[in-house]
N, C-alpha and C. Protein backbone atom coordinates (compact mmCIF):
# COMPACT_ATOMS: atom_id res chain seq x y z
N MET A 1 24.44 52.93 -34.15
CA MET A 1 24.74 54.34 -34.38
C MET A 1 25.97 54.43 -35.28
N ASP A 2 25.85 53.70 -36.39
CA ASP A 2 26.98 53.68 -37.32
C ASP A 2 27.10 54.96 -38.11
N GLY A 3 25.98 55.59 -38.45
CA GLY A 3 26.04 56.77 -39.29
C GLY A 3 26.14 58.06 -38.52
N VAL A 4 26.55 58.02 -37.27
CA VAL A 4 26.62 59.21 -36.43
C VAL A 4 27.83 60.03 -36.86
N LEU A 5 27.69 61.33 -36.77
CA LEU A 5 28.77 62.25 -37.11
C LEU A 5 29.93 62.05 -36.16
N HIS A 6 31.07 61.68 -36.72
CA HIS A 6 32.23 61.40 -35.88
C HIS A 6 33.16 62.60 -35.76
N THR A 7 33.00 63.53 -36.62
CA THR A 7 33.90 64.69 -36.55
C THR A 7 33.20 65.81 -35.79
N PRO A 8 33.83 66.38 -34.80
CA PRO A 8 33.19 67.48 -34.06
C PRO A 8 33.04 68.70 -34.97
N LEU A 9 32.01 69.50 -34.64
CA LEU A 9 31.71 70.67 -35.46
C LEU A 9 32.85 71.68 -35.45
N GLU A 10 33.61 71.75 -34.40
CA GLU A 10 34.70 72.72 -34.34
C GLU A 10 35.80 72.35 -35.33
N ALA A 11 35.87 71.06 -35.68
CA ALA A 11 36.94 70.63 -36.57
C ALA A 11 36.59 70.83 -38.05
N VAL A 12 35.31 71.20 -38.35
CA VAL A 12 34.90 71.40 -39.75
C VAL A 12 35.54 72.70 -40.25
N PRO A 13 36.20 72.64 -41.40
CA PRO A 13 36.81 73.88 -41.91
C PRO A 13 35.76 74.94 -42.25
N ALA A 14 36.09 76.15 -42.14
CA ALA A 14 35.16 77.27 -42.33
C ALA A 14 34.72 77.39 -43.78
N ASP A 15 35.51 76.94 -44.72
CA ASP A 15 35.16 77.10 -46.13
C ASP A 15 34.33 75.93 -46.66
N ALA A 16 33.99 74.94 -45.82
CA ALA A 16 33.21 73.78 -46.27
C ALA A 16 31.80 74.21 -46.62
N ASN A 17 31.21 73.40 -47.43
CA ASN A 17 29.88 73.72 -47.89
C ASN A 17 28.91 73.44 -46.76
N LEU A 18 28.26 74.51 -46.33
CA LEU A 18 27.36 74.42 -45.19
C LEU A 18 26.11 73.61 -45.53
N ALA A 19 25.66 73.66 -46.72
CA ALA A 19 24.45 72.95 -47.13
C ALA A 19 24.70 71.44 -47.08
N ARG A 20 25.89 71.02 -47.52
CA ARG A 20 26.23 69.60 -47.49
C ARG A 20 26.27 69.09 -46.05
N LEU A 21 26.75 69.89 -45.17
CA LEU A 21 26.82 69.53 -43.76
C LEU A 21 25.43 69.41 -43.15
N VAL A 22 24.54 70.31 -43.50
CA VAL A 22 23.17 70.30 -42.98
C VAL A 22 22.44 69.05 -43.47
N THR A 23 22.59 68.71 -44.74
CA THR A 23 21.92 67.51 -45.26
C THR A 23 22.46 66.24 -44.59
N ARG A 24 23.77 66.24 -44.36
CA ARG A 24 24.35 65.07 -43.67
C ARG A 24 23.81 64.97 -42.25
N LEU A 25 23.68 66.08 -41.56
CA LEU A 25 23.15 66.08 -40.20
C LEU A 25 21.68 65.68 -40.18
N LEU A 26 20.90 66.13 -41.17
CA LEU A 26 19.50 65.75 -41.25
C LEU A 26 19.36 64.24 -41.49
N ALA A 27 20.22 63.67 -42.30
CA ALA A 27 20.19 62.23 -42.56
C ALA A 27 20.52 61.46 -41.27
N GLU A 28 21.50 61.95 -40.54
CA GLU A 28 21.85 61.29 -39.28
C GLU A 28 20.70 61.39 -38.28
N VAL A 29 19.99 62.53 -38.23
CA VAL A 29 18.85 62.71 -37.33
C VAL A 29 17.74 61.73 -37.70
N ASP A 30 17.48 61.61 -39.04
CA ASP A 30 16.46 60.64 -39.48
C ASP A 30 16.84 59.22 -39.07
N GLN A 31 18.11 58.91 -39.25
CA GLN A 31 18.58 57.57 -38.87
C GLN A 31 18.43 57.34 -37.36
N LEU A 32 18.75 58.34 -36.56
CA LEU A 32 18.62 58.22 -35.11
C LEU A 32 17.15 58.10 -34.70
N ARG A 33 16.26 58.86 -35.43
CA ARG A 33 14.84 58.76 -35.12
C ARG A 33 14.32 57.34 -35.42
N ALA A 34 14.77 56.78 -36.53
CA ALA A 34 14.34 55.41 -36.88
C ALA A 34 14.85 54.41 -35.82
N GLU A 35 16.09 54.61 -35.40
CA GLU A 35 16.66 53.73 -34.39
C GLU A 35 15.92 53.87 -33.06
N VAL A 36 15.55 55.08 -32.68
CA VAL A 36 14.79 55.32 -31.45
C VAL A 36 13.41 54.67 -31.55
N ALA A 37 12.78 54.78 -32.73
CA ALA A 37 11.47 54.17 -32.92
C ALA A 37 11.58 52.64 -32.77
N GLY A 38 12.62 52.05 -33.33
CA GLY A 38 12.83 50.60 -33.20
C GLY A 38 13.06 50.20 -31.74
N LEU A 39 13.85 51.00 -31.05
CA LEU A 39 14.10 50.71 -29.63
C LEU A 39 12.82 50.84 -28.81
N ARG A 40 11.97 51.82 -29.18
CA ARG A 40 10.71 51.98 -28.46
C ARG A 40 9.79 50.77 -28.69
N ARG A 41 9.74 50.30 -29.95
CA ARG A 41 8.93 49.11 -30.24
C ARG A 41 9.45 47.90 -29.45
N GLU A 42 10.76 47.73 -29.47
CA GLU A 42 11.36 46.61 -28.72
C GLU A 42 11.08 46.74 -27.23
N ASN A 43 11.17 47.96 -26.71
CA ASN A 43 10.89 48.20 -25.29
C ASN A 43 9.44 47.86 -24.97
N LEU A 44 8.51 48.26 -25.86
CA LEU A 44 7.10 47.96 -25.66
C LEU A 44 6.86 46.45 -25.65
N GLU A 45 7.48 45.74 -26.61
CA GLU A 45 7.33 44.28 -26.65
C GLU A 45 7.88 43.63 -25.39
N LEU A 46 9.03 44.09 -24.94
CA LEU A 46 9.61 43.53 -23.72
C LEU A 46 8.74 43.82 -22.50
N ARG A 47 8.14 45.01 -22.45
CA ARG A 47 7.25 45.33 -21.34
C ARG A 47 6.01 44.43 -21.36
N GLN A 48 5.48 44.18 -22.58
CA GLN A 48 4.32 43.29 -22.69
C GLN A 48 4.68 41.87 -22.25
N GLN A 49 5.85 41.41 -22.68
CA GLN A 49 6.29 40.07 -22.26
C GLN A 49 6.49 40.01 -20.75
N ALA A 50 7.06 41.05 -20.20
CA ALA A 50 7.27 41.08 -18.75
C ALA A 50 5.93 41.05 -18.02
N ALA A 51 4.94 41.78 -18.52
CA ALA A 51 3.62 41.79 -17.89
C ALA A 51 2.98 40.40 -18.01
N TYR A 52 3.14 39.75 -19.18
CA TYR A 52 2.58 38.40 -19.36
C TYR A 52 3.21 37.43 -18.36
N TRP A 53 4.54 37.44 -18.28
CA TRP A 53 5.19 36.50 -17.37
C TRP A 53 4.92 36.84 -15.91
N ARG A 54 4.73 38.13 -15.61
CA ARG A 54 4.36 38.52 -14.25
C ARG A 54 2.99 37.95 -13.89
N SER A 55 2.04 38.03 -14.85
CA SER A 55 0.70 37.49 -14.59
C SER A 55 0.76 35.96 -14.47
N ARG A 56 1.58 35.29 -15.29
CA ARG A 56 1.73 33.83 -15.19
C ARG A 56 2.32 33.46 -13.82
N HIS A 57 3.29 34.25 -13.35
CA HIS A 57 3.89 33.99 -12.05
C HIS A 57 2.85 34.17 -10.94
N ALA A 58 2.04 35.22 -11.04
CA ALA A 58 1.00 35.46 -10.03
C ALA A 58 -0.01 34.30 -10.02
N ASP A 59 -0.37 33.80 -11.23
CA ASP A 59 -1.28 32.64 -11.30
C ASP A 59 -0.64 31.43 -10.63
N ALA A 60 0.65 31.20 -10.90
CA ALA A 60 1.33 30.04 -10.31
C ALA A 60 1.40 30.18 -8.79
N VAL A 61 1.67 31.39 -8.29
CA VAL A 61 1.73 31.62 -6.84
C VAL A 61 0.37 31.34 -6.21
N ARG A 62 -0.71 31.80 -6.87
CA ARG A 62 -2.06 31.53 -6.35
C ARG A 62 -2.36 30.03 -6.36
N ARG A 63 -1.98 29.36 -7.43
CA ARG A 63 -2.22 27.92 -7.53
C ARG A 63 -1.44 27.16 -6.46
N ILE A 64 -0.19 27.58 -6.22
CA ILE A 64 0.64 26.94 -5.18
C ILE A 64 0.00 27.17 -3.81
N ALA A 65 -0.48 28.39 -3.56
CA ALA A 65 -1.10 28.68 -2.27
C ALA A 65 -2.35 27.82 -2.08
N ALA A 66 -3.16 27.67 -3.15
CA ALA A 66 -4.37 26.85 -3.05
C ALA A 66 -4.01 25.39 -2.80
N LEU A 67 -2.96 24.89 -3.48
CA LEU A 67 -2.55 23.50 -3.29
C LEU A 67 -1.98 23.27 -1.89
N GLU A 68 -1.23 24.24 -1.39
CA GLU A 68 -0.70 24.11 -0.02
C GLU A 68 -1.83 24.10 1.00
N GLN A 69 -2.85 24.93 0.76
CA GLN A 69 -4.00 24.96 1.66
C GLN A 69 -4.74 23.63 1.61
N GLU A 70 -4.93 23.08 0.40
CA GLU A 70 -5.58 21.77 0.25
C GLU A 70 -4.74 20.68 0.91
N ASN A 71 -3.42 20.78 0.75
CA ASN A 71 -2.50 19.81 1.37
C ASN A 71 -2.63 19.86 2.89
N GLU A 72 -2.67 21.04 3.46
CA GLU A 72 -2.83 21.18 4.92
C GLU A 72 -4.15 20.59 5.37
N ARG A 73 -5.23 20.85 4.61
CA ARG A 73 -6.54 20.32 4.96
C ARG A 73 -6.51 18.79 4.95
N LEU A 74 -5.89 18.21 3.91
CA LEU A 74 -5.83 16.75 3.82
C LEU A 74 -4.96 16.15 4.91
N HIS A 75 -3.87 16.82 5.25
CA HIS A 75 -3.02 16.33 6.36
C HIS A 75 -3.80 16.37 7.67
N GLY A 76 -4.60 17.41 7.88
CA GLY A 76 -5.43 17.48 9.08
C GLY A 76 -6.46 16.36 9.11
N GLU A 77 -7.04 16.07 7.96
CA GLU A 77 -8.02 14.98 7.89
C GLU A 77 -7.35 13.64 8.17
N ILE A 78 -6.14 13.45 7.65
CA ILE A 78 -5.39 12.21 7.92
C ILE A 78 -5.10 12.09 9.41
N ARG A 79 -4.65 13.18 10.03
CA ARG A 79 -4.37 13.15 11.47
C ARG A 79 -5.63 12.81 12.27
N LYS A 80 -6.75 13.39 11.86
CA LYS A 80 -8.02 13.12 12.55
C LYS A 80 -8.40 11.65 12.41
N LEU A 81 -8.31 11.12 11.20
CA LEU A 81 -8.68 9.72 10.98
C LEU A 81 -7.74 8.77 11.71
N GLN A 82 -6.44 9.10 11.74
CA GLN A 82 -5.50 8.27 12.48
C GLN A 82 -5.78 8.33 13.97
N ALA A 83 -6.16 9.50 14.47
CA ALA A 83 -6.48 9.61 15.88
C ALA A 83 -7.74 8.80 16.21
N GLU A 84 -8.71 8.80 15.28
CA GLU A 84 -9.91 8.00 15.51
C GLU A 84 -9.59 6.51 15.48
N ARG A 85 -8.74 6.12 14.56
CA ARG A 85 -8.45 4.70 14.37
C ARG A 85 -7.44 4.18 15.40
N PHE A 86 -6.36 4.91 15.62
CA PHE A 86 -5.27 4.42 16.45
C PHE A 86 -5.11 5.19 17.76
N GLY A 87 -5.93 6.19 17.96
CA GLY A 87 -5.78 7.03 19.15
C GLY A 87 -6.26 6.32 20.40
N ARG A 88 -6.12 7.00 21.48
CA ARG A 88 -6.49 6.45 22.78
C ARG A 88 -8.01 6.44 22.93
N ARG A 89 -8.54 5.35 23.40
CA ARG A 89 -9.98 5.22 23.59
C ARG A 89 -10.37 5.80 24.95
N SER A 90 -11.57 6.33 25.01
CA SER A 90 -12.02 6.91 26.28
C SER A 90 -12.28 5.83 27.31
N GLU A 91 -12.60 4.59 26.86
CA GLU A 91 -12.85 3.51 27.80
C GLU A 91 -11.56 3.03 28.47
N LYS A 92 -10.45 3.24 27.82
CA LYS A 92 -9.17 2.76 28.36
C LYS A 92 -8.49 3.90 29.12
N GLN A 93 -8.73 3.94 30.39
CA GLN A 93 -8.13 4.97 31.22
C GLN A 93 -7.03 4.34 32.07
N SER A 94 -6.04 5.14 32.35
CA SER A 94 -4.99 4.64 33.22
C SER A 94 -5.47 4.61 34.66
N ALA A 95 -4.76 3.91 35.50
CA ALA A 95 -5.14 3.80 36.91
C ALA A 95 -5.15 5.16 37.59
N SER A 96 -4.22 6.04 37.18
CA SER A 96 -4.17 7.35 37.82
C SER A 96 -5.41 8.18 37.47
N GLU A 97 -5.94 8.02 36.25
CA GLU A 97 -7.13 8.77 35.87
C GLU A 97 -8.36 8.23 36.59
N ARG A 98 -8.39 6.93 36.85
CA ARG A 98 -9.53 6.32 37.52
C ARG A 98 -9.50 6.55 39.03
N SER A 99 -8.35 6.92 39.54
CA SER A 99 -8.24 7.07 41.00
C SER A 99 -9.04 8.27 41.50
N ASN A 100 -9.41 9.19 40.63
CA ASN A 100 -10.18 10.35 41.05
C ASN A 100 -11.66 10.01 41.26
N GLU A 101 -12.10 8.88 40.72
CA GLU A 101 -13.50 8.50 40.86
C GLU A 101 -13.71 7.88 42.24
N LEU A 102 -14.79 8.28 42.86
CA LEU A 102 -15.12 7.73 44.18
C LEU A 102 -16.12 6.60 43.99
N GLU A 103 -15.72 5.38 44.33
CA GLU A 103 -16.60 4.23 44.19
C GLU A 103 -16.72 3.53 45.53
N ASP A 104 -17.87 2.94 45.71
CA ASP A 104 -18.12 2.17 46.92
C ASP A 104 -17.46 0.81 46.77
N PRO A 105 -16.57 0.41 47.69
CA PRO A 105 -15.92 -0.90 47.56
C PRO A 105 -16.91 -2.05 47.59
N ALA A 106 -18.08 -1.85 48.20
CA ALA A 106 -19.07 -2.92 48.26
C ALA A 106 -19.70 -3.16 46.89
N ASP A 107 -19.73 -2.14 46.06
CA ASP A 107 -20.31 -2.27 44.72
C ASP A 107 -19.32 -2.82 43.71
N ALA A 108 -18.11 -3.04 44.13
CA ALA A 108 -17.07 -3.47 43.19
C ALA A 108 -17.41 -4.85 42.63
N LYS A 109 -17.29 -5.00 41.32
CA LYS A 109 -17.55 -6.27 40.67
C LYS A 109 -16.27 -7.09 40.69
N PRO A 110 -16.39 -8.41 40.68
CA PRO A 110 -15.17 -9.22 40.63
C PRO A 110 -14.45 -8.99 39.30
N LYS A 111 -13.15 -9.02 39.37
CA LYS A 111 -12.35 -8.76 38.18
C LYS A 111 -12.45 -9.93 37.22
N ARG A 112 -12.69 -9.63 35.95
CA ARG A 112 -12.81 -10.69 34.95
C ARG A 112 -11.44 -11.21 34.55
N GLN A 113 -11.42 -12.46 34.15
CA GLN A 113 -10.20 -13.04 33.62
C GLN A 113 -9.93 -12.44 32.24
N ARG A 114 -8.67 -12.39 31.88
CA ARG A 114 -8.32 -11.90 30.55
C ARG A 114 -8.61 -12.96 29.51
N GLY A 115 -8.78 -12.56 28.27
CA GLY A 115 -8.99 -13.51 27.19
C GLY A 115 -10.45 -13.81 26.95
N ARG A 116 -10.68 -14.92 26.29
CA ARG A 116 -12.04 -15.32 25.94
C ARG A 116 -12.82 -15.69 27.19
N GLN A 117 -14.03 -15.17 27.26
CA GLN A 117 -14.86 -15.39 28.43
C GLN A 117 -15.72 -16.64 28.22
N PRO A 118 -16.00 -17.37 29.27
CA PRO A 118 -16.87 -18.55 29.14
C PRO A 118 -18.23 -18.14 28.60
N GLY A 119 -18.76 -18.96 27.68
CA GLY A 119 -20.07 -18.67 27.10
C GLY A 119 -20.00 -17.76 25.89
N GLN A 120 -18.87 -17.19 25.60
CA GLN A 120 -18.72 -16.32 24.44
C GLN A 120 -18.17 -17.14 23.28
N PRO A 121 -18.59 -16.82 22.05
CA PRO A 121 -18.07 -17.58 20.90
C PRO A 121 -16.60 -17.25 20.68
N ALA A 122 -15.90 -18.22 20.12
CA ALA A 122 -14.48 -18.02 19.81
C ALA A 122 -14.35 -17.02 18.66
N PRO A 123 -13.27 -16.28 18.62
CA PRO A 123 -13.11 -15.33 17.51
C PRO A 123 -12.96 -16.08 16.19
N ARG A 124 -13.41 -15.44 15.12
CA ARG A 124 -13.31 -16.07 13.80
C ARG A 124 -11.86 -16.10 13.36
N ARG A 125 -11.54 -17.14 12.61
CA ARG A 125 -10.18 -17.24 12.06
C ARG A 125 -10.04 -16.24 10.93
N ARG A 126 -8.84 -15.79 10.73
CA ARG A 126 -8.59 -14.85 9.64
C ARG A 126 -8.68 -15.58 8.31
N ASP A 127 -9.08 -14.86 7.29
CA ASP A 127 -9.21 -15.43 5.96
C ASP A 127 -7.95 -15.10 5.16
N TYR A 128 -7.22 -16.14 4.76
CA TYR A 128 -6.00 -15.94 3.98
C TYR A 128 -6.19 -16.40 2.54
N SER A 129 -7.44 -16.47 2.08
CA SER A 129 -7.69 -16.98 0.73
C SER A 129 -7.15 -16.05 -0.35
N HIS A 130 -6.90 -14.78 -0.03
CA HIS A 130 -6.39 -13.85 -1.02
C HIS A 130 -4.88 -13.99 -1.25
N LEU A 131 -4.19 -14.75 -0.37
CA LEU A 131 -2.75 -14.92 -0.50
C LEU A 131 -2.43 -16.08 -1.45
N PRO A 132 -1.29 -16.00 -2.15
CA PRO A 132 -0.93 -17.12 -3.02
C PRO A 132 -0.57 -18.34 -2.17
N ILE A 133 -0.93 -19.56 -2.67
CA ILE A 133 -0.69 -20.80 -1.94
C ILE A 133 0.45 -21.56 -2.62
N ARG A 134 1.38 -22.02 -1.80
CA ARG A 134 2.47 -22.85 -2.29
C ARG A 134 2.36 -24.18 -1.55
N GLU A 135 2.03 -25.24 -2.30
CA GLU A 135 1.89 -26.55 -1.67
C GLU A 135 3.26 -27.19 -1.55
N GLN A 136 3.45 -27.90 -0.45
CA GLN A 136 4.74 -28.52 -0.18
C GLN A 136 4.45 -29.92 0.33
N LEU A 137 4.93 -30.93 -0.39
CA LEU A 137 4.72 -32.32 0.00
C LEU A 137 5.92 -32.77 0.82
N LEU A 138 5.67 -33.17 2.06
CA LEU A 138 6.74 -33.63 2.95
C LEU A 138 6.65 -35.15 3.04
N ASP A 139 7.73 -35.84 2.80
CA ASP A 139 7.75 -37.29 2.86
C ASP A 139 8.96 -37.73 3.68
N LEU A 140 8.84 -38.90 4.31
CA LEU A 140 9.95 -39.43 5.11
C LEU A 140 11.09 -39.85 4.19
N PRO A 141 12.33 -39.59 4.58
CA PRO A 141 13.44 -40.11 3.79
C PRO A 141 13.49 -41.63 3.88
N GLU A 142 14.13 -42.27 2.93
CA GLU A 142 14.22 -43.73 2.88
C GLU A 142 14.78 -44.30 4.18
N SER A 143 15.75 -43.67 4.78
CA SER A 143 16.39 -44.20 5.98
C SER A 143 15.44 -44.23 7.18
N GLU A 144 14.38 -43.41 7.18
CA GLU A 144 13.45 -43.35 8.31
C GLU A 144 12.16 -44.12 8.05
N ARG A 145 12.07 -44.90 6.96
CA ARG A 145 10.86 -45.65 6.64
C ARG A 145 10.86 -47.06 7.25
N VAL A 146 11.50 -47.20 8.38
CA VAL A 146 11.50 -48.46 9.12
C VAL A 146 11.06 -48.19 10.54
N CYS A 147 10.45 -49.20 11.16
CA CYS A 147 10.00 -49.07 12.54
C CYS A 147 11.21 -49.02 13.46
N PRO A 148 11.30 -48.04 14.36
CA PRO A 148 12.46 -47.96 15.25
C PRO A 148 12.49 -49.10 16.26
N ASP A 149 11.34 -49.73 16.53
CA ASP A 149 11.29 -50.82 17.52
C ASP A 149 11.68 -52.16 16.90
N CYS A 150 10.99 -52.53 15.79
CA CYS A 150 11.21 -53.87 15.24
C CYS A 150 12.03 -53.87 13.98
N GLY A 151 12.25 -52.75 13.34
CA GLY A 151 13.10 -52.68 12.16
C GLY A 151 12.39 -53.07 10.87
N LEU A 152 11.07 -53.34 10.92
CA LEU A 152 10.32 -53.70 9.71
C LEU A 152 9.97 -52.43 8.92
N PRO A 153 9.76 -52.59 7.60
CA PRO A 153 9.40 -51.41 6.81
C PRO A 153 8.00 -50.91 7.20
N VAL A 154 7.81 -49.60 7.08
CA VAL A 154 6.53 -48.99 7.44
C VAL A 154 5.68 -48.87 6.19
N LYS A 155 4.36 -48.80 6.39
CA LYS A 155 3.41 -48.71 5.29
C LYS A 155 2.70 -47.36 5.38
N ALA A 156 2.40 -46.76 4.22
CA ALA A 156 1.69 -45.48 4.20
C ALA A 156 0.29 -45.66 4.73
N CYS A 157 -0.15 -44.76 5.59
CA CYS A 157 -1.48 -44.90 6.21
C CYS A 157 -2.29 -43.61 6.14
N GLY A 158 -2.06 -42.78 5.18
CA GLY A 158 -2.83 -41.54 5.05
C GLY A 158 -1.92 -40.32 5.10
N THR A 159 -2.54 -39.17 5.18
CA THR A 159 -1.78 -37.91 5.20
C THR A 159 -2.17 -37.09 6.41
N GLU A 160 -1.31 -36.22 6.76
CA GLU A 160 -1.58 -35.24 7.82
C GLU A 160 -1.42 -33.87 7.19
N ASP A 161 -2.54 -33.17 7.01
CA ASP A 161 -2.51 -31.86 6.35
C ASP A 161 -2.31 -30.76 7.38
N SER A 162 -1.50 -29.80 7.02
CA SER A 162 -1.29 -28.66 7.91
C SER A 162 -1.15 -27.40 7.07
N GLU A 163 -1.36 -26.27 7.70
CA GLU A 163 -1.24 -24.98 7.03
C GLU A 163 -0.32 -24.10 7.85
N GLN A 164 0.46 -23.32 7.15
CA GLN A 164 1.42 -22.45 7.83
C GLN A 164 1.48 -21.14 7.06
N LEU A 165 1.42 -20.04 7.77
CA LEU A 165 1.50 -18.73 7.15
C LEU A 165 2.92 -18.22 7.30
N GLU A 166 3.56 -17.96 6.18
CA GLU A 166 4.92 -17.40 6.20
C GLU A 166 4.84 -15.98 5.72
N ILE A 167 5.37 -15.08 6.49
CA ILE A 167 5.39 -13.67 6.09
C ILE A 167 6.81 -13.32 5.72
N GLU A 168 6.99 -13.03 4.43
CA GLU A 168 8.28 -12.61 3.94
C GLU A 168 8.24 -11.10 3.79
N THR A 169 9.41 -10.50 3.75
CA THR A 169 9.43 -9.05 3.61
C THR A 169 8.99 -8.64 2.21
N ASP A 170 9.18 -9.53 1.22
CA ASP A 170 8.77 -9.19 -0.14
C ASP A 170 7.26 -9.25 -0.28
N ARG A 171 6.67 -10.43 0.03
CA ARG A 171 5.23 -10.58 -0.09
C ARG A 171 4.77 -11.72 0.81
N PRO A 172 3.59 -11.62 1.44
CA PRO A 172 3.08 -12.72 2.26
C PRO A 172 2.52 -13.83 1.37
N GLN A 173 2.63 -15.07 1.80
CA GLN A 173 2.05 -16.18 1.07
C GLN A 173 1.58 -17.23 2.06
N PHE A 174 0.67 -18.07 1.63
CA PHE A 174 0.08 -19.09 2.47
C PHE A 174 0.70 -20.41 2.07
N LEU A 175 1.20 -21.18 3.03
CA LEU A 175 1.89 -22.43 2.76
C LEU A 175 1.00 -23.57 3.23
N SER A 176 0.67 -24.45 2.31
CA SER A 176 -0.16 -25.61 2.63
C SER A 176 0.72 -26.85 2.53
N GLY A 177 0.83 -27.60 3.60
CA GLY A 177 1.73 -28.76 3.60
C GLY A 177 0.96 -30.06 3.81
N ILE A 178 1.42 -31.11 3.17
CA ILE A 178 0.83 -32.42 3.31
C ILE A 178 1.94 -33.38 3.70
N ALA A 179 1.82 -34.01 4.86
CA ALA A 179 2.83 -34.96 5.31
C ALA A 179 2.23 -36.35 5.23
N ASN A 180 2.94 -37.27 4.59
CA ASN A 180 2.46 -38.64 4.49
C ASN A 180 2.68 -39.34 5.82
N GLY A 181 1.66 -40.06 6.29
CA GLY A 181 1.77 -40.80 7.54
C GLY A 181 2.21 -42.23 7.25
N HIS A 182 2.97 -42.82 8.15
CA HIS A 182 3.45 -44.19 8.00
C HIS A 182 3.24 -44.94 9.31
N ARG A 183 3.00 -46.25 9.20
CA ARG A 183 2.86 -47.07 10.39
C ARG A 183 3.44 -48.45 10.08
N THR A 184 3.71 -49.18 11.13
CA THR A 184 4.21 -50.55 10.92
C THR A 184 3.05 -51.47 10.64
N LEU A 185 3.33 -52.56 10.00
CA LEU A 185 2.29 -53.53 9.66
C LEU A 185 1.87 -54.32 10.89
N SER A 186 0.57 -54.55 10.99
CA SER A 186 0.10 -55.38 12.10
C SER A 186 0.35 -56.85 11.76
N ALA A 187 0.14 -57.72 12.72
CA ALA A 187 0.39 -59.16 12.50
C ALA A 187 -0.51 -59.70 11.41
N ALA A 188 -1.78 -59.26 11.34
CA ALA A 188 -2.70 -59.74 10.31
C ALA A 188 -2.24 -59.29 8.93
N GLU A 189 -1.77 -58.05 8.85
CA GLU A 189 -1.30 -57.54 7.56
C GLU A 189 -0.04 -58.27 7.14
N LYS A 190 0.83 -58.64 8.11
CA LYS A 190 2.06 -59.38 7.78
C LYS A 190 1.72 -60.74 7.21
N SER A 191 0.71 -61.41 7.80
CA SER A 191 0.35 -62.74 7.32
C SER A 191 -0.28 -62.65 5.92
N MET A 192 -1.02 -61.54 5.67
CA MET A 192 -1.61 -61.38 4.34
C MET A 192 -0.54 -61.08 3.32
N GLN A 193 0.50 -60.39 3.70
CA GLN A 193 1.59 -60.04 2.80
C GLN A 193 2.46 -61.24 2.50
N SER A 194 2.66 -62.09 3.49
CA SER A 194 3.58 -63.21 3.31
C SER A 194 2.90 -64.40 2.64
N ALA A 195 1.58 -64.40 2.49
CA ALA A 195 0.90 -65.53 1.84
C ALA A 195 1.27 -65.57 0.37
N PRO A 196 1.47 -66.84 -0.22
CA PRO A 196 1.90 -66.93 -1.62
C PRO A 196 0.83 -66.56 -2.60
């Protein structure tokens, strides 16, 4: 509003040219009308932007509500599956729950021993083939390669293979160990060794 009339009408001298004043006022009115039109356009644009962002916000709120509902459904499914997998079995009742059943003591079956039952196959061993294998060769130190009874040197007589599963907090791995077996020489072997 730079071109607005700054002098009040009462301060205009009476002998001033009235026509000049009217033209100046008309120019200021035109300028104010142009400024109002610009402000109206800007207001309309801002209203349109506000409506756009309001609709985007409503879409986001609906999407969040749908995702929260899906999240709740999936959490319920997880709880159900965990209850099926890790929950209490109907066959495993506590003694207090079984005490309400009336049974004839004569019909009572002898109590089975715990563990593997006679005539039943042994459980299968677990398969650790998917774990990385680290082989470790164990050998007797030089100081222990003599017979503790006679003091003669021992001779290698094969290996003793063993497996050990080590579970580390970083990653599980399967440890395969081979220990060399040693024995003292028999009298026949001593005579064969000492022959020239």
